[in-house]
Amino acid sequence: MPAPLSATPVIVWFRNDLRLADNPALHAAASLGAPILPLYVLEEVPGDPRPLGGASRWWLRGSLERLGAACAALGAPLILRRGDPAAILPALIGESGAGAVFWNRRYAPAQTARDAAIKEALKRDGVEARSFNANLLAEPWTVQNKSGGPFKVFTPFWRSLSATLAPPLPLPVPALLPAQRLIAPATPPASDPLESWGLAPTAPDWAGGLRAAWSPGEAAARDALAAFLDGPVARYPTERDRPDQDGTARLSPHLAFGEIGPRQIWHAARHTADAHPDRQTGVESFLREIGWREFNHHLLHHAPHLADQPLDERFAAFPWRDDPAGLAAWTRGRTGYPIVDAGMRQLWETGWMHNRVRMIAASFLVKDLLLPWQTGERWFWDTLVDADLANNAGGWQWTAGCGADAAPFFRIFNPVLQGEKFDPEGDYVRRFVPELRRLPPRWIHKPWDAPPEILRQAGVRLGESYPRPIIDHALARNRALSLFAEQKGRTL
């Protein structure tokens, strides 16, 4: 006769939910009174279309270090395994006698298919398998338009969701009983040394800028949210588009790895608005961005090929260019357009780029250079510490004009005007493009127009110390408008 569930260990399989607070899978396991086996699997599955990018691997290492310490403090050490979870989970069940596996759901297509197959296999073997929602305010299949279908435009989606949304209060960190800290058998299952995974770059070590800019982990996420709501949120509506200001919450990588959850953010923000009415407008603007994240996950659920194929099928045959030199200039921040180059260098140095500049840089790639948005999406996937399939793909399709709620095809960002509007003194450019730091604000976003004497005094030698523009924006804009108009005119 099998032992009662409460007498057998429960495996809590951590994935993109690397926190103890408001973790439904962990909370449910703790409520059983059973011994808990926290597990993280570095998934290496043959044919996986989306292995972690380099910046994400760096972040993961720091996050697992902190999660491991937190689990150890609870008396339930984190087990690290590497490989295919479909094989690792049965092996760990055999080693420990676990009777259940709990996890929080993911929404990338390959992951959901993998999880469904694992759940079915576990249940077939008599192992309890339960999954929970930890990473969204509402499951993608629960938000429908009046026709019972998925929303394809953000504003009605957000209007519908925010009008009915009542997310439960965040769950506390469970206080494990002494009995729950006992693992059967007496010897804890083996765990890989985190260092053996090689997540941190060594030859060369390119992560110095990431270390200077970020501190992964649940505590850092909590501190970042508190600091933002303590004052900057009041200025968010006006400063969120200013890369020269520290006007954003910088929570995106913490959200991507689940070091903080959207319910925690929602309730903390609402509490702030109630306590400080002067911050109400800022809170609403901030939560709307959380809603945009929800919308992209909603899209990904209903369009599993979001990262590879345009939602607007008329763009499937778009005549994208093949321009290795242009792509190299873009990735290295050497396009000759200072705001674009500053963004691409910020990305390379810190693993993050201000959202306004992401739109400018993306527009330059797909509309000035006419390079496929999928190429840019892949570059961001590898270099962003907040790489998230739904947000990344949704943002790129928006800029390219081929996604749901996409920017109009004729919206082509002028990098000079964008720089002058959102970085008026040039402080952002000066930080990441130091060869231009001595240029006056009037010329810093268009150094090619500066008088020779101004360039000489600033030590700028166009074509040498800083490149000339690799393309004329006005000509590129006209070319793109013609092609996009032709594409939009196609009938399906």
Protein backbone atom coordinates (compact mmCIF):
# COMPACT_ATOMS: atom_id res chain seq x y z
CA MET A 1 0.00 0.00 0.00
CA PRO A 2 1.56 3.38 -1.00
CA ALA A 3 2.45 5.80 1.76
CA PRO A 4 0.21 8.86 2.25
CA LEU A 5 1.32 11.86 0.25
CA SER A 6 2.18 13.84 3.38
CA ALA A 7 4.68 11.16 4.40
CA THR A 8 6.63 11.23 1.14
CA PRO A 9 8.81 14.09 -0.15
CA VAL A 10 7.45 16.61 -2.62
CA ILE A 11 9.73 17.90 -5.36
CA VAL A 12 9.27 21.62 -5.98
CA TRP A 13 10.64 22.18 -9.46
CA PHE A 14 11.85 25.77 -9.80
CA ARG A 15 12.09 27.26 -13.30
CA ASN A 16 11.44 30.95 -14.04
CA ASP A 17 10.08 31.49 -10.52
CA LEU A 18 13.31 31.84 -8.56
CA ARG A 19 11.79 33.18 -5.34
CA LEU A 20 10.35 31.91 -2.06
CA ALA A 21 7.68 34.57 -1.52
CA ASP A 22 4.47 34.34 -3.53
CA ASN A 23 5.51 30.99 -4.96
CA PRO A 24 2.30 28.94 -5.27
CA ALA A 25 4.06 25.64 -6.00
CA LEU A 26 6.29 25.97 -2.95
CA HIS A 27 3.42 27.17 -0.78
CA ALA A 28 1.21 24.24 -1.81
CA ALA A 29 3.99 21.76 -1.12
CA ALA A 30 4.69 23.27 2.29
CA SER A 31 1.01 23.10 3.23
CA LEU A 32 1.10 19.30 2.92
CA GLY A 33 3.54 18.96 5.79
CA ALA A 34 5.73 16.70 3.67
CA PRO A 35 9.52 16.90 3.26
CA ILE A 36 10.39 19.28 0.44
CA LEU A 37 13.00 18.78 -2.26
CA PRO A 38 13.66 22.07 -4.08
CA LEU A 39 15.02 21.34 -7.57
CA TYR A 40 16.36 23.43 -10.41
CA VAL A 41 17.16 21.79 -13.75
CA LEU A 42 19.44 23.48 -16.27
CA GLU A 43 17.43 22.19 -19.20
CA GLU A 44 19.44 20.75 -22.05
CA VAL A 45 16.99 19.11 -24.39
CA PRO A 46 18.00 18.00 -27.90
CA GLY A 47 16.52 20.31 -30.48
CA ASP A 48 15.53 22.98 -27.97
CA PRO A 49 14.87 26.06 -30.14
CA ARG A 50 15.56 28.49 -27.30
CA PRO A 51 18.56 27.71 -25.10
CA LEU A 52 19.41 30.55 -22.74
CA GLY A 53 21.42 33.42 -24.17
CA GLY A 54 24.75 34.49 -22.74
CA ALA A 55 23.45 37.38 -20.64
CA SER A 56 20.61 35.24 -19.26
CA ARG A 57 23.07 32.54 -18.27
CA TRP A 58 25.08 35.11 -16.32
CA TRP A 59 21.97 36.31 -14.50
CA LEU A 60 20.83 32.75 -13.79
CA ARG A 61 24.06 31.99 -11.97
CA GLY A 62 23.61 34.90 -9.58
CA SER A 63 19.94 34.15 -9.06
CA LEU A 64 20.58 30.49 -8.28
CA GLU A 65 23.30 31.42 -5.80
CA ARG A 66 20.82 33.51 -3.86
CA LEU A 67 17.96 31.04 -4.16
CA GLY A 68 20.25 28.27 -2.97
CA ALA A 69 21.20 30.27 0.11
CA ALA A 70 17.54 31.03 0.84
CA CYS A 71 16.53 27.38 0.49
CA ALA A 72 19.40 26.30 2.73
CA ALA A 73 18.23 28.77 5.37
CA LEU A 74 14.84 27.04 5.30
CA GLY A 75 16.58 23.72 5.85
CA ALA A 76 15.71 22.39 2.38
CA PRO A 77 18.86 22.64 0.22
CA LEU A 78 18.40 23.40 -3.47
CA ILE A 79 19.24 20.45 -5.73
CA LEU A 80 20.86 21.31 -9.06
CA ARG A 81 20.71 18.91 -12.00
CA ARG A 82 21.56 19.37 -15.66
CA GLY A 83 19.92 17.72 -18.67
CA ASP A 84 16.45 16.72 -19.80
CA PRO A 85 13.87 17.12 -17.02
CA ALA A 86 11.87 14.26 -18.50
CA ALA A 87 14.74 11.99 -17.40
CA ILE A 88 15.93 13.90 -14.33
CA LEU A 89 12.59 13.97 -12.54
CA PRO A 90 12.00 10.18 -12.61
CA ALA A 91 15.60 9.63 -11.50
CA LEU A 92 15.21 11.98 -8.52
CA ILE A 93 11.87 10.39 -7.64
CA GLY A 94 13.59 7.01 -7.56
CA GLU A 95 16.41 8.34 -5.38
CA SER A 96 14.19 10.13 -2.87
CA GLY A 97 10.89 8.27 -2.85
CA ALA A 98 9.08 11.51 -3.73
CA GLY A 99 5.37 11.12 -4.29
CA ALA A 100 4.66 14.43 -5.99
CA VAL A 101 6.15 17.11 -8.21
CA PHE A 102 4.85 20.67 -8.04
CA TRP A 103 5.81 23.51 -10.38
CA ASN A 104 4.66 26.89 -11.66
CA ARG A 105 3.60 27.18 -15.25
CA ARG A 106 5.63 28.60 -18.15
CA TYR A 107 4.19 29.87 -21.41
CA ALA A 108 6.80 29.53 -24.15
CA PRO A 109 5.49 26.95 -26.69
CA ALA A 110 8.33 24.43 -26.36
CA GLN A 111 8.15 24.66 -22.58
CA THR A 112 4.40 24.16 -22.33
CA ALA A 113 4.58 21.13 -24.61
CA ARG A 114 7.45 19.72 -22.54
CA ASP A 115 5.60 20.31 -19.28
CA ALA A 116 2.42 18.67 -20.56
CA ALA A 117 4.33 15.55 -21.58
CA ILE A 118 6.13 15.41 -18.22
CA LYS A 119 2.89 15.80 -16.29
CA GLU A 120 1.27 13.00 -18.25
CA ALA A 121 4.25 10.69 -17.74
CA LEU A 122 4.39 11.37 -14.00
CA LYS A 123 0.70 10.68 -13.52
CA ARG A 124 1.05 7.50 -15.56
CA ASP A 125 3.70 6.39 -13.06
CA GLY A 126 1.47 7.16 -10.10
CA VAL A 127 3.23 10.40 -9.15
CA GLU A 128 1.12 13.41 -8.28
CA ALA A 129 1.87 16.35 -10.61
CA ARG A 130 0.42 19.80 -10.03
CA SER A 131 1.09 23.10 -11.74
CA PHE A 132 0.21 26.63 -10.66
CA ASN A 133 0.11 30.19 -11.94
CA ALA A 134 2.89 32.28 -10.43
CA ASN A 135 4.04 34.51 -13.27
CA LEU A 136 0.96 36.21 -14.74
CA LEU A 137 -1.91 38.24 -13.33
CA ALA A 138 -4.31 36.12 -15.40
CA GLU A 139 -3.85 32.96 -17.41
CA PRO A 140 -3.82 33.68 -21.17
CA TRP A 141 -6.83 31.47 -21.87
CA THR A 142 -9.01 33.29 -19.33
CA VAL A 143 -9.01 36.70 -21.03
CA GLN A 144 -11.39 36.81 -24.00
CA ASN A 145 -13.05 39.45 -26.13
CA LYS A 146 -16.82 39.73 -26.54
CA SER A 147 -16.73 37.12 -29.30
CA GLY A 148 -15.02 34.62 -27.05
CA GLY A 149 -11.69 34.89 -28.86
CA PRO A 150 -8.30 36.33 -27.97
CA PHE A 151 -7.68 40.06 -27.96
CA LYS A 152 -5.46 41.33 -30.75
CA VAL A 153 -5.24 44.96 -29.66
CA PHE A 154 -3.71 46.02 -26.37
CA THR A 155 -6.04 48.83 -25.26
CA PRO A 156 -9.27 46.77 -25.17
CA PHE A 157 -7.29 43.87 -23.68
CA TRP A 158 -6.04 46.03 -20.84
CA ARG A 159 -9.41 47.71 -20.37
CA SER A 160 -11.07 44.33 -20.01
CA LEU A 161 -8.40 42.82 -17.78
CA SER A 162 -7.94 45.77 -15.43
CA ALA A 163 -11.70 46.23 -15.00
CA THR A 164 -12.18 42.71 -13.68
CA LEU A 165 -8.78 41.90 -12.22
CA ALA A 166 -8.60 41.02 -8.54
CA PRO A 167 -5.35 39.08 -8.12
CA PRO A 168 -5.04 37.24 -4.82
CA LEU A 169 -2.74 38.64 -2.18
CA PRO A 170 0.88 37.49 -2.51
CA LEU A 171 1.76 34.36 -0.55
CA PRO A 172 4.32 34.60 2.26
CA VAL A 173 7.57 32.68 2.44
CA PRO A 174 6.59 29.33 3.96
CA ALA A 175 7.90 28.50 7.43
CA LEU A 176 8.86 24.86 7.15
CA LEU A 177 8.32 22.53 10.08
CA PRO A 178 11.34 20.57 11.33
CA ALA A 179 9.84 17.38 9.89
CA GLN A 180 9.71 18.96 6.46
CA ARG A 181 13.46 19.46 6.53
CA LEU A 182 14.08 15.74 6.72
CA ILE A 183 14.74 14.13 3.39
CA ALA A 184 14.19 10.45 2.75
CA PRO A 185 16.54 8.68 2.35
CA ALA A 186 18.76 10.12 5.07
CA THR A 187 21.45 11.17 2.57
CA PRO A 188 20.27 14.12 0.46
CA PRO A 189 20.20 13.50 -3.30
CA ALA A 190 23.30 14.58 -5.18
CA SER A 191 23.47 18.10 -6.55
CA ASP A 192 25.71 19.54 -9.26
CA PRO A 193 28.12 22.25 -8.11
CA LEU A 194 26.81 25.47 -9.60
CA GLU A 195 30.33 26.32 -10.83
CA SER A 196 30.36 23.18 -12.99
CA TRP A 197 27.64 24.63 -15.22
CA GLY A 198 29.92 27.31 -16.65
CA LEU A 199 27.22 29.98 -16.62
CA ALA A 200 29.64 32.83 -16.00
CA PRO A 201 31.90 33.91 -18.89
CA THR A 202 35.60 33.39 -18.28
CA ALA A 203 37.56 33.60 -21.53
CA PRO A 204 36.97 36.41 -22.04
CA ASP A 205 35.07 37.66 -19.00
CA TRP A 206 32.72 40.12 -20.70
CA ALA A 207 30.36 40.47 -17.72
CA GLY A 208 32.10 43.27 -15.82
CA GLY A 209 29.50 45.80 -16.89
CA LEU A 210 26.67 43.45 -15.92
CA ARG A 211 28.15 42.97 -12.45
CA ALA A 212 28.44 46.73 -12.02
CA ALA A 213 24.86 47.34 -13.14
CA TRP A 214 22.88 44.52 -11.54
CA SER A 215 22.39 42.38 -8.46
CA PRO A 216 20.28 39.30 -9.26
CA GLY A 217 18.03 37.68 -6.69
CA GLU A 218 14.75 37.98 -4.82
CA ALA A 219 16.02 40.49 -2.25
CA ALA A 220 17.35 42.82 -4.95
CA ALA A 221 14.03 42.61 -6.80
CA ARG A 222 12.10 43.50 -3.67
CA ASP A 223 14.44 46.42 -2.97
CA ALA A 224 14.18 47.70 -6.55
CA LEU A 225 10.37 47.74 -6.40
CA ALA A 226 10.36 49.49 -3.01
CA ALA A 227 12.84 52.13 -4.18
CA PHE A 228 10.81 52.83 -7.32
CA LEU A 229 7.48 53.12 -5.51
CA ASP A 230 9.05 55.30 -2.84
CA GLY A 231 9.22 58.28 -5.18
CA PRO A 232 10.30 57.79 -8.80
CA VAL A 233 6.91 56.28 -9.74
CA ALA A 234 5.37 59.75 -9.37
CA ARG A 235 7.55 60.97 -12.26
CA TYR A 236 7.15 57.81 -14.32
CA PRO A 237 4.69 59.19 -16.90
CA THR A 238 7.14 61.92 -17.93
CA GLU A 239 10.51 60.29 -17.27
CA ARG A 240 9.90 56.75 -18.51
CA ASP A 241 10.90 57.81 -22.04
CA ARG A 242 14.07 59.61 -20.95
CA PRO A 243 17.14 57.35 -21.17
CA ASP A 244 19.23 60.13 -19.60
CA GLN A 245 17.11 59.88 -16.42
CA ASP A 246 16.77 57.07 -13.90
CA GLY A 247 13.02 57.03 -14.39
CA THR A 248 12.12 53.34 -14.78
CA ALA A 249 11.74 50.53 -12.25
CA ARG A 250 14.40 48.29 -13.86
CA LEU A 251 12.41 45.25 -12.75
CA SER A 252 12.33 43.47 -16.11
CA PRO A 253 15.15 40.95 -15.47
CA HIS A 254 13.78 40.20 -12.00
CA LEU A 255 10.40 39.53 -13.60
CA ALA A 256 11.92 37.43 -16.38
CA PHE A 257 13.51 35.09 -13.83
CA GLY A 258 10.57 35.20 -11.46
CA GLU A 259 12.52 36.76 -8.60
CA ILE A 260 9.41 38.85 -8.14
CA GLY A 261 5.91 38.16 -9.40
CA PRO A 262 3.30 40.42 -10.98
CA ARG A 263 0.89 39.95 -8.05
CA GLN A 264 3.52 41.33 -5.69
CA ILE A 265 4.02 44.30 -7.98
CA TRP A 266 0.31 44.88 -8.45
CA HIS A 267 -0.54 44.93 -4.76
CA ALA A 268 2.51 46.97 -3.76
CA ALA A 269 1.72 49.55 -6.44
CA ARG A 270 -1.96 49.75 -5.48
CA HIS A 271 -1.00 50.17 -1.83
CA THR A 272 1.35 52.99 -2.79
CA ALA A 273 -1.37 54.76 -4.78
CA ASP A 274 -3.81 54.47 -1.87
CA ALA A 275 -1.26 55.82 0.60
CA HIS A 276 0.10 58.53 -1.69
CA PRO A 277 -2.59 59.98 -4.00
CA ASP A 278 0.04 62.14 -5.73
CA ARG A 279 1.55 58.95 -7.13
CA GLN A 280 -1.74 57.61 -8.51
CA THR A 281 -1.12 58.69 -12.11
CA GLY A 282 2.37 57.23 -12.06
CA VAL A 283 1.13 53.94 -10.62
CA GLU A 284 -1.53 53.63 -13.33
CA SER A 285 1.06 54.28 -16.05
CA PHE A 286 3.43 51.75 -14.48
CA LEU A 287 0.77 49.05 -14.14
CA ARG A 288 -0.17 49.58 -17.77
CA GLU A 289 3.35 48.40 -18.63
CA ILE A 290 2.77 45.30 -16.51
CA GLY A 291 -0.37 44.90 -18.61
CA TRP A 292 1.71 45.09 -21.80
CA ARG A 293 3.77 42.19 -20.47
CA GLU A 294 0.55 40.25 -19.87
CA PHE A 295 -0.65 41.07 -23.39
CA ASN A 296 2.51 39.68 -24.97
CA HIS A 297 2.14 36.43 -23.04
CA HIS A 298 -1.48 36.36 -24.14
CA LEU A 299 -0.30 36.69 -27.75
CA LEU A 300 2.33 33.98 -27.35
CA HIS A 301 -0.21 31.52 -25.99
CA HIS A 302 -2.54 32.05 -28.93
CA ALA A 303 0.24 32.41 -31.54
CA PRO A 304 3.00 29.92 -30.64
CA HIS A 305 5.15 31.04 -33.59
CA LEU A 306 5.26 34.65 -32.39
CA ALA A 307 9.07 34.69 -32.23
CA ASP A 308 9.59 33.39 -35.75
CA GLN A 309 6.64 34.30 -37.95
CA PRO A 310 4.80 37.61 -38.44
CA LEU A 311 1.29 37.71 -37.07
CA ASP A 312 0.31 39.69 -40.14
CA GLU A 313 0.80 37.05 -42.82
CA ARG A 314 1.23 39.68 -45.52
CA PHE A 315 4.73 40.19 -44.15
CA ALA A 316 5.74 36.55 -44.58
CA ALA A 317 7.29 37.33 -47.96
CA PHE A 318 8.66 40.77 -47.14
CA PRO A 319 11.82 41.46 -49.20
CA TRP A 320 14.25 41.89 -46.33
CA ARG A 321 17.84 42.75 -47.25
CA ASP A 322 20.97 40.74 -46.58
CA ASP A 323 23.51 43.21 -45.23
CA PRO A 324 26.22 41.66 -43.01
CA ALA A 325 28.14 44.94 -42.78
CA GLY A 326 25.05 46.87 -41.69
CA LEU A 327 24.15 44.22 -39.13
CA ALA A 328 27.67 44.26 -37.72
CA ALA A 329 27.60 48.05 -37.41
CA TRP A 330 24.26 47.86 -35.60
CA THR A 331 25.31 45.16 -33.13
CA ARG A 332 28.55 46.97 -32.32
CA GLY A 333 27.03 50.43 -31.93
CA ARG A 334 28.85 51.84 -34.97
CA THR A 335 25.97 53.03 -37.16
CA GLY A 336 26.94 56.71 -37.01
CA TYR A 337 23.64 57.61 -35.34
CA PRO A 338 24.52 58.43 -31.72
CA ILE A 339 21.25 57.48 -30.00
CA VAL A 340 21.22 54.10 -31.77
CA ASP A 341 24.87 53.47 -30.99
CA ALA A 342 24.43 54.49 -27.34
CA GLY A 343 21.61 51.99 -26.97
CA MET A 344 23.48 49.13 -28.59
CA ARG A 345 26.54 49.83 -26.45
CA GLN A 346 24.43 50.06 -23.30
CA LEU A 347 23.04 46.65 -24.21
CA TRP A 348 26.48 45.14 -24.69
CA GLU A 349 27.91 46.71 -21.55
CA THR A 350 25.03 46.23 -19.10
CA GLY A 351 22.80 43.55 -20.64
CA TRP A 352 19.90 45.99 -20.75
CA MET A 353 18.66 48.85 -22.89
CA HIS A 354 16.23 51.61 -22.04
CA ASN A 355 12.82 50.82 -23.57
CA ARG A 356 12.55 54.02 -25.61
CA VAL A 357 15.96 53.34 -27.11
CA ARG A 358 14.99 49.73 -27.81
CA MET A 359 12.25 51.05 -30.07
CA ILE A 360 14.63 53.48 -31.78
CA ALA A 361 17.31 50.83 -32.32
CA ALA A 362 14.76 48.28 -33.53
CA SER A 363 13.20 50.74 -35.95
CA PHE A 364 16.64 51.53 -37.37
CA LEU A 365 17.37 47.84 -37.99
CA VAL A 366 14.07 46.89 -39.65
CA LYS A 367 13.12 50.14 -41.37
CA ASP A 368 16.35 51.97 -42.13
CA LEU A 369 18.47 48.90 -42.86
CA LEU A 370 15.54 46.67 -43.90
CA LEU A 371 16.99 43.71 -42.00
CA PRO A 372 14.57 41.06 -40.70
CA TRP A 373 13.11 41.69 -37.28
CA GLN A 374 13.86 38.06 -36.36
CA THR A 375 17.58 38.86 -36.60
CA GLY A 376 17.21 41.68 -34.09
CA GLU A 377 15.04 39.55 -31.83
CA ARG A 378 17.72 36.87 -31.74
CA TRP A 379 20.43 39.41 -30.89
CA PHE A 380 18.36 40.77 -28.04
CA TRP A 381 17.67 37.22 -26.84
CA ASP A 382 21.39 36.59 -26.46
CA THR A 383 22.41 39.93 -24.99
CA LEU A 384 19.52 40.98 -22.72
CA VAL A 385 19.47 40.00 -19.06
CA ASP A 386 15.68 40.39 -19.24
CA ALA A 387 15.29 38.20 -22.34
CA ASP A 388 11.71 36.96 -22.37
CA LEU A 389 10.29 35.26 -25.43
CA ALA A 390 6.86 36.87 -25.30
CA ASN A 391 8.04 40.40 -24.56
CA ASN A 392 10.98 40.25 -26.93
CA ALA A 393 9.04 38.91 -29.90
CA GLY A 394 5.99 41.07 -29.20
CA GLY A 395 8.11 44.20 -29.08
CA TRP A 396 9.96 43.42 -32.29
CA GLN A 397 6.76 42.63 -34.18
CA TRP A 398 5.24 45.88 -32.89
CA THR A 399 8.16 47.88 -34.25
CA ALA A 400 8.22 45.99 -37.54
CA GLY A 401 4.54 46.71 -38.08
CA CYS A 402 3.60 43.05 -38.53
CA GLY A 403 2.33 42.10 -35.07
CA ALA A 404 -0.84 42.49 -33.05
CA ASP A 405 -1.51 46.11 -32.11
CA ALA A 406 1.52 46.92 -34.23
CA ALA A 407 2.93 50.37 -34.80
CA PRO A 408 1.66 51.76 -38.13
CA PHE A 409 4.05 50.79 -40.91
CA PHE A 410 4.65 54.47 -41.64
CA ARG A 411 5.96 55.09 -38.10
CA ILE A 412 9.69 55.19 -38.73
CA PHE A 413 11.66 56.71 -35.90
CA ASN A 414 14.02 59.49 -36.92
CA PRO A 415 17.08 58.78 -34.75
CA VAL A 416 18.14 62.43 -34.68
CA LEU A 417 14.76 63.80 -33.63
CA GLN A 418 14.28 60.98 -31.12
CA GLY A 419 17.66 61.71 -29.59
CA GLU A 420 17.01 65.44 -29.38
CA LYS A 421 13.60 64.89 -27.80
CA PHE A 422 14.43 62.22 -25.24
CA ASP A 423 18.11 62.95 -24.56
CA PRO A 424 18.08 66.72 -25.00
CA GLU A 425 21.42 67.46 -23.34
CA GLY A 426 23.08 64.37 -24.80
CA ASP A 427 23.95 62.91 -21.38
CA TYR A 428 22.88 59.39 -22.39
CA VAL A 429 24.98 59.51 -25.55
CA ARG A 430 27.96 60.91 -23.64
CA ARG A 431 27.83 58.02 -21.21
CA PHE A 432 27.86 55.23 -23.78
CA VAL A 433 29.52 56.95 -26.75
CA PRO A 434 32.35 58.72 -24.93
CA GLU A 435 34.13 59.73 -28.15
CA LEU A 436 31.34 62.32 -28.58
CA ARG A 437 31.27 63.51 -24.97
CA ARG A 438 32.79 66.93 -25.74
CA LEU A 439 30.25 67.86 -28.41
CA PRO A 440 27.70 70.53 -27.45
CA PRO A 441 24.05 69.38 -27.10
CA ARG A 442 23.18 71.10 -30.39
CA TRP A 443 25.39 68.73 -32.36
CA ILE A 444 25.68 65.57 -30.31
CA HIS A 445 22.82 63.79 -32.09
CA LYS A 446 23.97 64.88 -35.56
CA PRO A 447 27.75 65.28 -35.45
CA TRP A 448 27.98 65.24 -39.27
CA ASP A 449 26.26 68.64 -39.32
CA ALA A 450 28.63 70.20 -36.79
CA PRO A 451 31.04 72.85 -38.11
CA PRO A 452 34.62 71.58 -38.59
CA GLU A 453 35.89 73.82 -35.79
CA ILE A 454 33.36 72.36 -33.33
CA LEU A 455 34.40 68.84 -34.30
CA ARG A 456 38.06 69.75 -33.94
CA GLN A 457 37.56 71.25 -30.49
CA ALA A 458 35.61 68.15 -29.42
CA GLY A 459 38.29 65.81 -30.75
CA VAL A 460 35.85 64.15 -33.13
CA ARG A 461 37.17 62.88 -36.45
CA LEU A 462 34.24 61.61 -38.46
CA GLY A 463 35.06 58.39 -40.24
CA GLU A 464 37.93 57.77 -37.80
CA SER A 465 37.15 58.30 -34.11
CA TYR A 466 33.41 58.00 -34.81
CA PRO A 467 31.77 56.64 -37.97
CA ARG A 468 29.78 58.63 -40.45
CA PRO A 469 26.15 57.44 -40.81
CA ILE A 470 26.08 54.10 -42.59
CA ILE A 471 22.87 55.12 -44.35
CA ASP A 472 20.99 58.34 -45.09
CA HIS A 473 17.88 58.23 -42.92
CA ALA A 474 15.72 60.29 -45.28
CA LEU A 475 16.45 58.01 -48.23
CA ALA A 476 16.04 54.89 -46.08
CA ARG A 477 12.70 56.16 -44.81
CA ASN A 478 11.33 56.70 -48.33
CA ARG A 479 12.52 53.24 -49.40
CA ALA A 480 10.90 51.61 -46.38
CA LEU A 481 7.61 53.48 -46.84
CA SER A 482 7.38 52.27 -50.41
CA LEU A 483 8.05 48.65 -49.51
CA PHE A 484 5.80 48.64 -46.45
CA ALA A 485 2.94 50.26 -48.36
CA GLU A 486 3.26 47.60 -51.03
CA GLN A 487 3.24 44.88 -48.39
CA LYS A 488 0.25 46.33 -46.54
CA GLY A 489 -1.63 46.45 -49.85
CA ARG A 490 -1.43 42.70 -50.30
CA THR A 491 -4.63 40.76 -49.78
CA LEU A 492 -4.64 37.49 -47.91
